[in-house]
N, C-alpha and C. Protein backbone atom coordinates (compact mmCIF):
# COMPACT_ATOMS: atom_id res chain seq x y z
N MET A 1 -14.89 1.00 4.16
CA MET A 1 -15.20 0.06 3.11
C MET A 1 -15.87 -1.18 3.71
N LYS A 2 -16.90 -1.70 3.03
CA LYS A 2 -17.66 -2.81 3.57
C LYS A 2 -16.84 -4.10 3.53
N SER A 3 -17.09 -4.96 4.52
CA SER A 3 -16.30 -6.18 4.66
C SER A 3 -16.55 -7.16 3.53
N LYS A 4 -17.71 -7.07 2.84
CA LYS A 4 -18.04 -8.00 1.77
C LYS A 4 -17.43 -7.56 0.43
N LYS A 5 -16.80 -6.43 0.40
CA LYS A 5 -16.28 -5.89 -0.85
C LYS A 5 -15.11 -6.72 -1.35
N LEU A 6 -15.06 -6.95 -2.67
CA LEU A 6 -13.98 -7.69 -3.31
C LEU A 6 -12.98 -6.71 -3.92
N LEU A 7 -11.78 -7.20 -4.20
CA LEU A 7 -10.77 -6.33 -4.81
C LEU A 7 -11.22 -5.81 -6.16
N LYS A 8 -11.94 -6.64 -6.92
CA LYS A 8 -12.39 -6.21 -8.24
C LYS A 8 -13.41 -5.07 -8.16
N ASP A 9 -14.01 -4.89 -6.99
CA ASP A 9 -15.01 -3.83 -6.81
C ASP A 9 -14.38 -2.45 -6.65
N ILE A 10 -13.09 -2.39 -6.32
CA ILE A 10 -12.49 -1.09 -6.05
C ILE A 10 -11.46 -0.67 -7.11
N GLY A 11 -10.93 -1.61 -7.88
CA GLY A 11 -10.01 -1.25 -8.96
C GLY A 11 -8.57 -1.05 -8.50
N GLU A 12 -7.65 -1.09 -9.47
CA GLU A 12 -6.22 -1.07 -9.16
C GLU A 12 -5.77 0.22 -8.50
N MET A 13 -6.14 1.38 -9.06
CA MET A 13 -5.66 2.65 -8.52
C MET A 13 -6.17 2.90 -7.11
N ASN A 14 -7.43 2.54 -6.88
CA ASN A 14 -7.98 2.69 -5.53
C ASN A 14 -7.29 1.74 -4.55
N LEU A 15 -6.92 0.55 -5.04
CA LEU A 15 -6.24 -0.40 -4.17
C LEU A 15 -4.84 0.10 -3.81
N ILE A 16 -4.16 0.70 -4.78
CA ILE A 16 -2.84 1.28 -4.50
C ILE A 16 -2.96 2.38 -3.44
N SER A 17 -3.97 3.23 -3.58
CA SER A 17 -4.19 4.28 -2.59
C SER A 17 -4.51 3.69 -1.22
N TYR A 18 -5.26 2.60 -1.23
CA TYR A 18 -5.62 1.92 0.02
C TYR A 18 -4.38 1.36 0.72
N ILE A 19 -3.46 0.78 -0.07
CA ILE A 19 -2.20 0.28 0.48
C ILE A 19 -1.42 1.42 1.12
N GLU A 20 -1.34 2.54 0.42
CA GLU A 20 -0.60 3.69 0.95
C GLU A 20 -1.22 4.20 2.24
N GLU A 21 -2.56 4.19 2.30
CA GLU A 21 -3.24 4.63 3.52
C GLU A 21 -2.94 3.69 4.70
N LEU A 22 -2.94 2.39 4.42
CA LEU A 22 -2.63 1.41 5.48
C LEU A 22 -1.21 1.60 6.01
N ILE A 23 -0.28 1.83 5.09
CA ILE A 23 1.12 2.02 5.49
C ILE A 23 1.25 3.28 6.35
N TYR A 24 0.63 4.36 5.91
CA TYR A 24 0.73 5.61 6.68
C TYR A 24 0.05 5.48 8.04
N LYS A 25 -1.10 4.81 8.05
CA LYS A 25 -1.85 4.63 9.30
C LYS A 25 -1.04 3.85 10.33
N ASN A 26 -0.28 2.86 9.88
CA ASN A 26 0.44 1.98 10.80
C ASN A 26 1.90 2.35 11.02
N SER A 27 2.45 3.22 10.17
CA SER A 27 3.87 3.56 10.33
C SER A 27 4.15 5.06 10.24
N GLU A 28 3.13 5.84 9.82
CA GLU A 28 3.27 7.28 9.62
C GLU A 28 4.33 7.61 8.56
N LYS A 29 4.56 6.66 7.64
CA LYS A 29 5.49 6.88 6.54
C LYS A 29 4.71 7.04 5.24
N LYS A 30 5.00 8.11 4.51
CA LYS A 30 4.32 8.36 3.24
C LYS A 30 5.10 7.73 2.09
N VAL A 31 4.36 7.20 1.12
CA VAL A 31 4.97 6.56 -0.04
C VAL A 31 5.01 7.57 -1.18
N LEU A 32 6.19 7.71 -1.80
CA LEU A 32 6.34 8.58 -2.96
C LEU A 32 5.95 7.80 -4.20
N ARG A 33 4.84 8.18 -4.84
CA ARG A 33 4.37 7.45 -6.02
C ARG A 33 4.99 8.06 -7.28
N ASP A 34 5.75 7.25 -8.01
CA ASP A 34 6.42 7.73 -9.22
C ASP A 34 6.71 6.54 -10.13
N ASP A 35 7.42 6.80 -11.26
CA ASP A 35 7.71 5.73 -12.22
C ASP A 35 8.82 4.81 -11.74
N ALA A 36 9.63 5.29 -10.84
CA ALA A 36 10.71 4.49 -10.25
C ALA A 36 10.72 4.77 -8.75
N PHE A 37 11.53 4.03 -8.03
CA PHE A 37 11.55 4.14 -6.57
C PHE A 37 12.84 4.80 -6.11
N PHE A 38 12.73 5.57 -5.05
CA PHE A 38 13.86 6.34 -4.55
C PHE A 38 14.10 5.99 -3.08
N TYR A 39 15.36 5.93 -2.71
CA TYR A 39 15.71 5.68 -1.31
C TYR A 39 16.81 6.64 -0.91
N SER A 40 16.52 7.47 0.08
CA SER A 40 17.50 8.45 0.53
C SER A 40 18.62 7.78 1.31
N LEU A 41 19.85 8.18 1.02
CA LEU A 41 21.01 7.64 1.73
C LEU A 41 21.45 8.54 2.88
N ASP A 42 20.60 9.51 3.24
CA ASP A 42 20.97 10.43 4.32
C ASP A 42 21.27 9.69 5.63
N LYS A 43 20.50 8.61 5.88
CA LYS A 43 20.73 7.86 7.12
C LYS A 43 22.11 7.21 7.14
N LEU A 44 22.68 7.04 5.95
CA LEU A 44 23.95 6.31 5.85
C LEU A 44 25.13 7.22 5.55
N LYS A 45 24.91 8.53 5.54
CA LYS A 45 25.95 9.44 5.06
C LYS A 45 27.25 9.33 5.86
N GLU A 46 27.15 8.95 7.13
CA GLU A 46 28.37 8.80 7.93
C GLU A 46 29.07 7.47 7.68
N LYS A 47 28.33 6.53 7.08
CA LYS A 47 28.90 5.20 6.85
C LYS A 47 29.31 4.98 5.39
N LEU A 48 28.83 5.83 4.48
CA LEU A 48 29.07 5.59 3.07
C LEU A 48 30.55 5.63 2.74
N SER A 49 31.01 4.61 2.07
CA SER A 49 32.40 4.52 1.64
C SER A 49 32.47 3.42 0.60
N PRO A 50 33.58 3.30 -0.11
CA PRO A 50 33.72 2.21 -1.09
C PRO A 50 33.62 0.83 -0.45
N LYS A 51 33.71 0.77 0.88
CA LYS A 51 33.67 -0.52 1.56
C LYS A 51 32.25 -0.96 1.92
N ILE A 52 31.27 -0.09 1.66
CA ILE A 52 29.88 -0.41 1.98
C ILE A 52 29.22 -1.13 0.81
N SER A 53 28.53 -2.23 1.10
CA SER A 53 27.83 -3.00 0.08
C SER A 53 26.32 -2.90 0.27
N LEU A 54 25.60 -2.85 -0.85
CA LEU A 54 24.15 -3.00 -0.83
C LEU A 54 23.85 -4.49 -0.90
N VAL A 55 23.07 -4.99 0.05
CA VAL A 55 22.74 -6.41 0.11
C VAL A 55 21.22 -6.56 0.00
N SER A 56 20.75 -7.41 -0.90
CA SER A 56 19.31 -7.56 -1.09
C SER A 56 18.92 -9.03 -1.15
N ASN A 57 17.65 -9.28 -0.93
CA ASN A 57 17.13 -10.65 -1.02
C ASN A 57 15.68 -10.59 -1.47
N SER A 58 15.29 -11.54 -2.33
CA SER A 58 13.92 -11.59 -2.83
C SER A 58 13.46 -13.04 -2.89
N ASP A 59 12.56 -13.41 -1.99
CA ASP A 59 11.96 -14.75 -1.96
C ASP A 59 10.46 -14.60 -2.14
N MET A 60 9.91 -15.32 -3.12
CA MET A 60 8.49 -15.22 -3.43
C MET A 60 7.66 -16.20 -2.59
N LEU A 61 6.52 -15.73 -2.11
CA LEU A 61 5.57 -16.59 -1.42
C LEU A 61 4.38 -16.83 -2.34
N VAL A 62 4.08 -18.11 -2.61
CA VAL A 62 2.96 -18.50 -3.47
C VAL A 62 1.97 -19.29 -2.61
N SER A 63 0.72 -18.87 -2.61
CA SER A 63 -0.22 -19.42 -1.64
C SER A 63 -0.44 -20.92 -1.78
N THR A 64 -0.44 -21.47 -3.00
CA THR A 64 -0.74 -22.89 -3.16
C THR A 64 0.38 -23.79 -2.66
N THR A 65 1.60 -23.29 -2.63
CA THR A 65 2.74 -24.13 -2.22
C THR A 65 3.34 -23.73 -0.88
N ASP A 66 3.12 -22.50 -0.45
CA ASP A 66 3.79 -22.00 0.75
C ASP A 66 2.87 -21.70 1.92
N VAL A 67 1.56 -21.83 1.71
CA VAL A 67 0.61 -21.42 2.75
C VAL A 67 -0.27 -22.60 3.18
N PRO A 68 -0.08 -23.13 4.38
CA PRO A 68 -0.95 -24.19 4.89
C PRO A 68 -2.37 -23.67 5.10
N LYS A 69 -3.34 -24.57 5.11
CA LYS A 69 -4.74 -24.19 5.25
C LYS A 69 -5.01 -23.47 6.57
N LYS A 70 -4.27 -23.83 7.60
CA LYS A 70 -4.51 -23.25 8.93
C LYS A 70 -3.96 -21.83 9.06
N MET A 71 -3.18 -21.38 8.11
CA MET A 71 -2.53 -20.08 8.23
C MET A 71 -3.53 -18.95 7.95
N GLU A 72 -3.57 -17.97 8.83
CA GLU A 72 -4.47 -16.82 8.66
C GLU A 72 -3.82 -15.78 7.75
N PHE A 73 -4.64 -14.85 7.26
CA PHE A 73 -4.14 -13.87 6.29
C PHE A 73 -3.06 -12.98 6.89
N PHE A 74 -3.23 -12.60 8.15
CA PHE A 74 -2.19 -11.80 8.82
C PHE A 74 -0.87 -12.56 8.85
N GLN A 75 -0.95 -13.86 9.14
CA GLN A 75 0.25 -14.69 9.20
C GLN A 75 0.90 -14.85 7.83
N ILE A 76 0.09 -14.87 6.78
CA ILE A 76 0.63 -14.94 5.42
C ILE A 76 1.50 -13.72 5.14
N GLY A 77 0.98 -12.54 5.46
CA GLY A 77 1.75 -11.31 5.24
C GLY A 77 3.02 -11.29 6.06
N ARG A 78 2.91 -11.69 7.32
CA ARG A 78 4.07 -11.71 8.20
C ARG A 78 5.13 -12.67 7.68
N LYS A 79 4.71 -13.86 7.27
CA LYS A 79 5.65 -14.87 6.78
C LYS A 79 6.41 -14.37 5.55
N SER A 80 5.71 -13.66 4.65
CA SER A 80 6.36 -13.20 3.42
C SER A 80 7.53 -12.27 3.71
N ILE A 81 7.42 -11.48 4.78
CA ILE A 81 8.52 -10.59 5.16
C ILE A 81 9.58 -11.34 5.95
N LEU A 82 9.15 -12.19 6.87
CA LEU A 82 10.07 -12.94 7.71
C LEU A 82 11.04 -13.77 6.87
N MET A 83 10.54 -14.46 5.85
CA MET A 83 11.38 -15.34 5.05
C MET A 83 12.43 -14.57 4.25
N ASN A 84 12.17 -13.29 4.00
CA ASN A 84 13.15 -12.46 3.31
C ASN A 84 14.13 -11.81 4.27
N LEU A 85 13.63 -11.32 5.39
CA LEU A 85 14.50 -10.67 6.37
C LEU A 85 15.53 -11.64 6.94
N SER A 86 15.10 -12.87 7.17
CA SER A 86 16.01 -13.83 7.82
C SER A 86 17.26 -14.07 7.00
N ASP A 87 17.13 -14.06 5.67
CA ASP A 87 18.30 -14.29 4.81
C ASP A 87 19.26 -13.11 4.84
N LEU A 88 18.76 -11.91 5.08
CA LEU A 88 19.65 -10.76 5.22
C LEU A 88 20.34 -10.78 6.58
N ILE A 89 19.57 -11.09 7.60
CA ILE A 89 20.10 -11.05 8.97
C ILE A 89 21.23 -12.06 9.15
N VAL A 90 21.09 -13.25 8.56
CA VAL A 90 22.15 -14.25 8.72
C VAL A 90 23.43 -13.84 8.00
N LYS A 91 23.34 -12.85 7.13
CA LYS A 91 24.53 -12.32 6.47
C LYS A 91 25.16 -11.19 7.28
N GLY A 92 24.55 -10.88 8.43
CA GLY A 92 25.08 -9.81 9.26
C GLY A 92 24.63 -8.44 8.82
N VAL A 93 23.51 -8.37 8.09
CA VAL A 93 23.03 -7.11 7.52
C VAL A 93 21.77 -6.66 8.24
N ARG A 94 21.72 -5.39 8.61
CA ARG A 94 20.50 -4.82 9.18
C ARG A 94 19.61 -4.35 8.03
N PRO A 95 18.40 -4.91 7.88
CA PRO A 95 17.52 -4.52 6.78
C PRO A 95 17.12 -3.05 6.86
N SER A 96 17.02 -2.40 5.70
CA SER A 96 16.69 -0.97 5.66
C SER A 96 15.38 -0.68 4.94
N GLY A 97 15.13 -1.36 3.81
CA GLY A 97 13.98 -1.00 3.00
C GLY A 97 13.32 -2.20 2.34
N LEU A 98 12.14 -1.94 1.78
CA LEU A 98 11.31 -3.00 1.21
C LEU A 98 10.66 -2.51 -0.08
N ILE A 99 10.78 -3.33 -1.13
CA ILE A 99 10.01 -3.15 -2.36
C ILE A 99 9.08 -4.36 -2.45
N LEU A 100 7.80 -4.13 -2.67
CA LEU A 100 6.81 -5.19 -2.55
C LEU A 100 6.00 -5.36 -3.84
N SER A 101 6.08 -6.55 -4.43
CA SER A 101 5.26 -6.89 -5.60
C SER A 101 4.18 -7.88 -5.17
N LEU A 102 2.95 -7.60 -5.58
CA LEU A 102 1.80 -8.41 -5.16
C LEU A 102 1.04 -8.92 -6.37
N GLY A 103 0.72 -10.21 -6.35
CA GLY A 103 -0.22 -10.79 -7.30
C GLY A 103 -1.45 -11.23 -6.53
N LEU A 104 -2.63 -10.73 -6.93
CA LEU A 104 -3.83 -10.96 -6.13
C LEU A 104 -5.00 -11.38 -7.00
N PRO A 105 -5.80 -12.36 -6.57
CA PRO A 105 -7.03 -12.69 -7.28
C PRO A 105 -8.07 -11.60 -7.06
N ASP A 106 -8.79 -11.23 -8.12
CA ASP A 106 -9.75 -10.13 -7.96
C ASP A 106 -10.98 -10.53 -7.15
N THR A 107 -11.10 -11.83 -6.84
CA THR A 107 -12.21 -12.31 -6.02
C THR A 107 -11.86 -12.32 -4.52
N MET A 108 -10.67 -11.84 -4.19
CA MET A 108 -10.26 -11.79 -2.79
C MET A 108 -11.03 -10.69 -2.06
N PHE A 109 -11.48 -11.00 -0.84
CA PHE A 109 -12.18 -10.00 -0.05
C PHE A 109 -11.20 -8.91 0.40
N LEU A 110 -11.65 -7.68 0.37
CA LEU A 110 -10.82 -6.56 0.78
C LEU A 110 -10.36 -6.70 2.23
N LYS A 111 -11.25 -7.19 3.09
CA LYS A 111 -10.89 -7.35 4.51
C LYS A 111 -9.76 -8.38 4.68
N ASP A 112 -9.74 -9.41 3.83
CA ASP A 112 -8.66 -10.40 3.89
C ASP A 112 -7.35 -9.81 3.38
N PHE A 113 -7.44 -9.01 2.32
CA PHE A 113 -6.24 -8.33 1.81
C PHE A 113 -5.68 -7.38 2.86
N GLU A 114 -6.58 -6.69 3.57
CA GLU A 114 -6.13 -5.77 4.62
C GLU A 114 -5.35 -6.53 5.70
N GLU A 115 -5.80 -7.73 6.03
CA GLU A 115 -5.10 -8.54 7.03
C GLU A 115 -3.71 -8.94 6.53
N VAL A 116 -3.61 -9.29 5.25
CA VAL A 116 -2.30 -9.60 4.66
C VAL A 116 -1.37 -8.40 4.79
N MET A 117 -1.87 -7.23 4.42
CA MET A 117 -1.06 -6.01 4.49
C MET A 117 -0.70 -5.67 5.93
N ASN A 118 -1.63 -5.87 6.85
CA ASN A 118 -1.32 -5.61 8.26
C ASN A 118 -0.19 -6.50 8.76
N GLY A 119 -0.17 -7.76 8.31
CA GLY A 119 0.92 -8.66 8.67
C GLY A 119 2.24 -8.19 8.10
N ILE A 120 2.22 -7.73 6.85
CA ILE A 120 3.43 -7.21 6.20
C ILE A 120 3.93 -5.96 6.93
N ILE A 121 3.02 -5.04 7.17
CA ILE A 121 3.40 -3.76 7.79
C ILE A 121 3.86 -3.96 9.23
N SER A 122 3.14 -4.80 9.97
CA SER A 122 3.48 -5.04 11.37
C SER A 122 4.90 -5.58 11.52
N TYR A 123 5.26 -6.56 10.70
CA TYR A 123 6.60 -7.14 10.82
C TYR A 123 7.66 -6.20 10.26
N SER A 124 7.31 -5.44 9.23
CA SER A 124 8.25 -4.45 8.69
C SER A 124 8.56 -3.38 9.73
N ASN A 125 7.54 -2.99 10.49
CA ASN A 125 7.73 -1.96 11.51
C ASN A 125 8.68 -2.42 12.62
N GLN A 126 8.71 -3.71 12.89
CA GLN A 126 9.61 -4.22 13.93
C GLN A 126 11.07 -3.95 13.58
N PHE A 127 11.36 -3.86 12.28
CA PHE A 127 12.72 -3.61 11.82
C PHE A 127 12.87 -2.22 11.22
N ASP A 128 11.83 -1.38 11.40
CA ASP A 128 11.85 -0.01 10.89
C ASP A 128 12.17 0.03 9.40
N LEU A 129 11.58 -0.89 8.65
CA LEU A 129 11.79 -0.92 7.20
C LEU A 129 11.06 0.24 6.53
N ASP A 130 11.71 0.85 5.56
CA ASP A 130 11.06 1.86 4.73
C ASP A 130 10.41 1.17 3.54
N TYR A 131 9.11 1.41 3.33
CA TYR A 131 8.41 0.87 2.17
C TYR A 131 8.66 1.80 0.99
N ILE A 132 9.33 1.29 -0.04
CA ILE A 132 9.75 2.13 -1.16
C ILE A 132 8.71 2.16 -2.27
N GLY A 133 8.00 1.07 -2.46
CA GLY A 133 7.01 0.98 -3.54
C GLY A 133 6.90 -0.46 -3.98
N GLY A 134 6.36 -0.68 -5.18
CA GLY A 134 6.24 -2.05 -5.65
C GLY A 134 5.40 -2.16 -6.90
N ASP A 135 4.82 -3.34 -7.09
CA ASP A 135 4.03 -3.63 -8.28
C ASP A 135 2.78 -4.39 -7.86
N LEU A 136 1.75 -4.29 -8.68
CA LEU A 136 0.46 -4.91 -8.36
C LEU A 136 -0.11 -5.53 -9.62
N ASN A 137 -0.47 -6.82 -9.55
CA ASN A 137 -1.04 -7.51 -10.70
C ASN A 137 -2.15 -8.45 -10.26
N GLN A 138 -3.02 -8.78 -11.23
CA GLN A 138 -4.08 -9.76 -10.97
C GLN A 138 -3.55 -11.15 -11.27
N THR A 139 -3.74 -12.08 -10.33
CA THR A 139 -3.31 -13.46 -10.50
C THR A 139 -4.41 -14.41 -10.04
N GLN A 140 -4.19 -15.71 -10.25
CA GLN A 140 -5.17 -16.71 -9.85
C GLN A 140 -5.10 -17.02 -8.35
N GLU A 141 -3.98 -16.71 -7.74
CA GLU A 141 -3.79 -16.98 -6.32
C GLU A 141 -2.97 -15.85 -5.71
N ILE A 142 -2.82 -15.88 -4.40
CA ILE A 142 -2.02 -14.85 -3.73
C ILE A 142 -0.54 -15.12 -3.96
N VAL A 143 0.15 -14.13 -4.49
CA VAL A 143 1.59 -14.19 -4.70
C VAL A 143 2.20 -12.93 -4.09
N ILE A 144 3.12 -13.10 -3.17
CA ILE A 144 3.78 -11.96 -2.52
C ILE A 144 5.27 -12.08 -2.77
N ASN A 145 5.84 -11.07 -3.40
CA ASN A 145 7.27 -11.11 -3.73
C ASN A 145 7.96 -9.86 -3.19
N PRO A 146 8.36 -9.91 -1.91
CA PRO A 146 9.09 -8.77 -1.35
C PRO A 146 10.56 -8.81 -1.76
N THR A 147 11.14 -7.65 -1.93
CA THR A 147 12.59 -7.52 -2.04
C THR A 147 13.04 -6.63 -0.90
N VAL A 148 13.84 -7.17 0.00
CA VAL A 148 14.34 -6.38 1.12
C VAL A 148 15.83 -6.10 0.90
N PHE A 149 16.29 -4.98 1.41
CA PHE A 149 17.69 -4.64 1.21
C PHE A 149 18.23 -3.93 2.44
N GLY A 150 19.55 -3.95 2.55
CA GLY A 150 20.24 -3.27 3.64
C GLY A 150 21.67 -2.98 3.22
N PHE A 151 22.42 -2.39 4.11
CA PHE A 151 23.80 -1.99 3.80
C PHE A 151 24.72 -2.51 4.89
N ALA A 152 25.92 -2.91 4.47
CA ALA A 152 26.89 -3.42 5.45
C ALA A 152 28.30 -3.28 4.88
N GLU A 153 29.26 -3.21 5.78
CA GLU A 153 30.65 -3.20 5.35
C GLU A 153 31.02 -4.57 4.78
N LYS A 154 31.77 -4.54 3.67
CA LYS A 154 32.13 -5.80 3.01
C LYS A 154 32.84 -6.74 3.96
N SER A 155 33.70 -6.20 4.80
CA SER A 155 34.50 -7.03 5.70
C SER A 155 33.66 -7.72 6.77
N LYS A 156 32.42 -7.22 7.00
CA LYS A 156 31.58 -7.78 8.06
C LYS A 156 30.49 -8.70 7.53
N LEU A 157 30.43 -8.87 6.20
CA LEU A 157 29.44 -9.77 5.62
C LEU A 157 29.79 -11.22 5.95
N ILE A 158 28.78 -12.02 6.22
CA ILE A 158 28.97 -13.42 6.57
C ILE A 158 28.62 -14.29 5.36
N TYR A 159 29.61 -14.96 4.80
CA TYR A 159 29.40 -15.79 3.61
C TYR A 159 29.27 -17.26 4.01
N ARG A 160 28.69 -18.04 3.11
CA ARG A 160 28.67 -19.49 3.32
C ARG A 160 30.07 -20.07 3.20
N LYS A 161 30.80 -19.56 2.23
CA LYS A 161 32.14 -20.09 2.01
C LYS A 161 33.08 -19.62 3.13
N GLY A 162 34.18 -20.31 3.25
CA GLY A 162 35.19 -19.90 4.23
C GLY A 162 35.11 -20.59 5.56
N MET A 163 34.07 -21.42 5.76
CA MET A 163 33.97 -22.13 7.03
C MET A 163 35.02 -23.23 7.10
N LYS A 164 35.58 -23.41 8.27
CA LYS A 164 36.65 -24.39 8.45
C LYS A 164 36.34 -25.31 9.63
N ILE A 165 36.97 -26.45 9.64
CA ILE A 165 36.86 -27.38 10.77
C ILE A 165 37.33 -26.66 12.04
N ASP A 166 36.59 -26.87 13.11
CA ASP A 166 36.86 -26.27 14.42
C ASP A 166 36.31 -24.84 14.55
N ASP A 167 35.68 -24.29 13.50
CA ASP A 167 34.99 -23.01 13.65
C ASP A 167 33.81 -23.19 14.61
N ILE A 168 33.50 -22.15 15.35
CA ILE A 168 32.38 -22.20 16.29
C ILE A 168 31.11 -21.73 15.59
N ILE A 169 30.05 -22.52 15.68
CA ILE A 169 28.76 -22.18 15.09
C ILE A 169 27.76 -21.97 16.23
N CYS A 170 27.09 -20.83 16.23
CA CYS A 170 26.13 -20.50 17.29
C CYS A 170 24.71 -20.49 16.73
N ALA A 171 23.77 -20.98 17.49
CA ALA A 171 22.36 -20.96 17.10
C ALA A 171 21.53 -20.55 18.31
N ASN A 172 20.38 -19.88 18.05
CA ASN A 172 19.55 -19.42 19.16
C ASN A 172 18.22 -20.17 19.24
N GLY A 173 18.16 -21.34 18.61
CA GLY A 173 16.94 -22.13 18.66
C GLY A 173 17.18 -23.52 18.11
N SER A 174 16.12 -24.32 18.07
CA SER A 174 16.23 -25.68 17.56
C SER A 174 16.18 -25.69 16.03
N PHE A 175 16.85 -26.66 15.45
CA PHE A 175 16.84 -26.80 14.00
C PHE A 175 15.67 -27.67 13.54
N GLY A 176 15.11 -27.35 12.38
CA GLY A 176 14.12 -28.21 11.74
C GLY A 176 12.69 -28.02 12.17
N LEU A 177 12.42 -27.09 13.10
CA LEU A 177 11.05 -26.92 13.58
C LEU A 177 10.10 -26.49 12.47
N THR A 178 10.54 -25.54 11.65
CA THR A 178 9.66 -25.03 10.59
C THR A 178 9.32 -26.12 9.59
N GLY A 179 10.32 -26.93 9.22
CA GLY A 179 10.07 -28.02 8.28
C GLY A 179 9.07 -29.03 8.81
N VAL A 180 9.20 -29.38 10.09
CA VAL A 180 8.27 -30.32 10.72
C VAL A 180 6.87 -29.70 10.78
N GLY A 181 6.81 -28.41 11.16
CA GLY A 181 5.52 -27.73 11.25
C GLY A 181 4.80 -27.68 9.92
N PHE A 182 5.53 -27.35 8.85
CA PHE A 182 4.93 -27.31 7.52
C PHE A 182 4.44 -28.69 7.09
N ASP A 183 5.23 -29.71 7.38
CA ASP A 183 4.84 -31.07 6.98
C ASP A 183 3.52 -31.46 7.64
N ILE A 184 3.38 -31.14 8.92
CA ILE A 184 2.13 -31.46 9.63
C ILE A 184 0.96 -30.68 9.03
N LEU A 185 1.16 -29.38 8.82
CA LEU A 185 0.06 -28.52 8.36
C LEU A 185 -0.34 -28.81 6.92
N LEU A 186 0.62 -29.22 6.09
CA LEU A 186 0.32 -29.47 4.68
C LEU A 186 -0.21 -30.87 4.43
N ARG A 187 0.18 -31.84 5.26
CA ARG A 187 -0.13 -33.23 4.97
C ARG A 187 -1.17 -33.85 5.91
N GLN A 188 -1.28 -33.34 7.10
CA GLN A 188 -2.12 -33.99 8.10
C GLN A 188 -3.48 -33.31 8.22
N GLU A 189 -4.46 -34.11 8.60
CA GLU A 189 -5.79 -33.58 8.89
C GLU A 189 -5.93 -33.38 10.40
N GLY A 190 -6.87 -32.57 10.79
CA GLY A 190 -7.09 -32.37 12.22
C GLY A 190 -6.81 -30.94 12.64
N ASP A 191 -7.26 -30.62 13.84
CA ASP A 191 -7.07 -29.28 14.36
C ASP A 191 -5.65 -29.08 14.86
N TYR A 192 -5.31 -27.82 15.01
CA TYR A 192 -3.99 -27.42 15.54
C TYR A 192 -3.73 -28.11 16.87
N GLU A 193 -4.77 -28.21 17.70
CA GLU A 193 -4.62 -28.79 19.04
C GLU A 193 -4.41 -30.30 19.01
N SER A 194 -4.58 -30.92 17.83
CA SER A 194 -4.43 -32.37 17.73
C SER A 194 -2.98 -32.82 17.82
N PHE A 195 -2.06 -31.86 17.78
CA PHE A 195 -0.64 -32.21 17.76
C PHE A 195 0.11 -31.46 18.87
N PRO A 196 -0.28 -31.68 20.14
CA PRO A 196 0.35 -30.93 21.24
C PRO A 196 1.85 -31.18 21.34
N LYS A 197 2.28 -32.37 20.91
CA LYS A 197 3.70 -32.73 21.00
C LYS A 197 4.55 -31.86 20.07
N TYR A 198 3.90 -31.33 19.03
CA TYR A 198 4.63 -30.56 18.02
C TYR A 198 4.27 -29.08 18.06
N LYS A 199 3.84 -28.61 19.22
CA LYS A 199 3.40 -27.21 19.35
C LYS A 199 4.49 -26.23 18.91
N ASP A 200 5.73 -26.45 19.34
CA ASP A 200 6.82 -25.54 18.98
C ASP A 200 7.03 -25.51 17.47
N ALA A 201 6.92 -26.67 16.83
CA ALA A 201 7.08 -26.74 15.38
C ALA A 201 5.96 -26.00 14.66
N LEU A 202 4.73 -26.18 15.12
CA LEU A 202 3.59 -25.51 14.51
C LEU A 202 3.65 -24.00 14.75
N ASP A 203 4.06 -23.61 15.95
CA ASP A 203 4.18 -22.18 16.27
C ASP A 203 5.23 -21.51 15.38
N SER A 204 6.28 -22.25 15.02
CA SER A 204 7.34 -21.66 14.20
C SER A 204 6.83 -21.31 12.81
N VAL A 205 5.73 -21.93 12.38
CA VAL A 205 5.14 -21.64 11.08
C VAL A 205 4.05 -20.59 11.20
N LEU A 206 3.21 -20.72 12.22
CA LEU A 206 2.00 -19.91 12.31
C LEU A 206 2.13 -18.65 13.14
N LYS A 207 3.17 -18.53 13.98
CA LYS A 207 3.24 -17.38 14.87
C LYS A 207 4.53 -16.61 14.68
């Protein structure tokens, strides 16, 4: 497909097929196209019990409010998955699958959409997520609404409630980097290199 081609030039059904081709090309996983979505529990058959919970999270990414100008299309796709996976992981849940709803402007270049999908697929592959299906609509801006889910024993879920004085809290990085990075990228003018002091904060948003 030519790089100058727009989404409106190929139509919805062809775009759905294109998404499926990208997923298969990058993960060798085929998507079952139907009226509803199916997820096999064969992988969990040894763990299934009344004590197992399905845990899901759905955070929407909207380009006008969540995407700084410096962010590339690949990074947009990656961020949309990262922001959903992180909420599952902090609950002690290993993510298993993904349902993806997309709102796209029909004037978007196909090559840019491919980069968004490559970001989504690349980060999903790191966690071996199964792509179950999703929805596709025309919008004025890029809207990505992933729903990720996983399974965990109820007794091992980590809740916000229940924390007590003298409990030990562990962290594997600095707090507030993403907030600082977004503030710089959304409010400040200048190149990425203009803020060497805040490289870690900017990297937390863009990489």
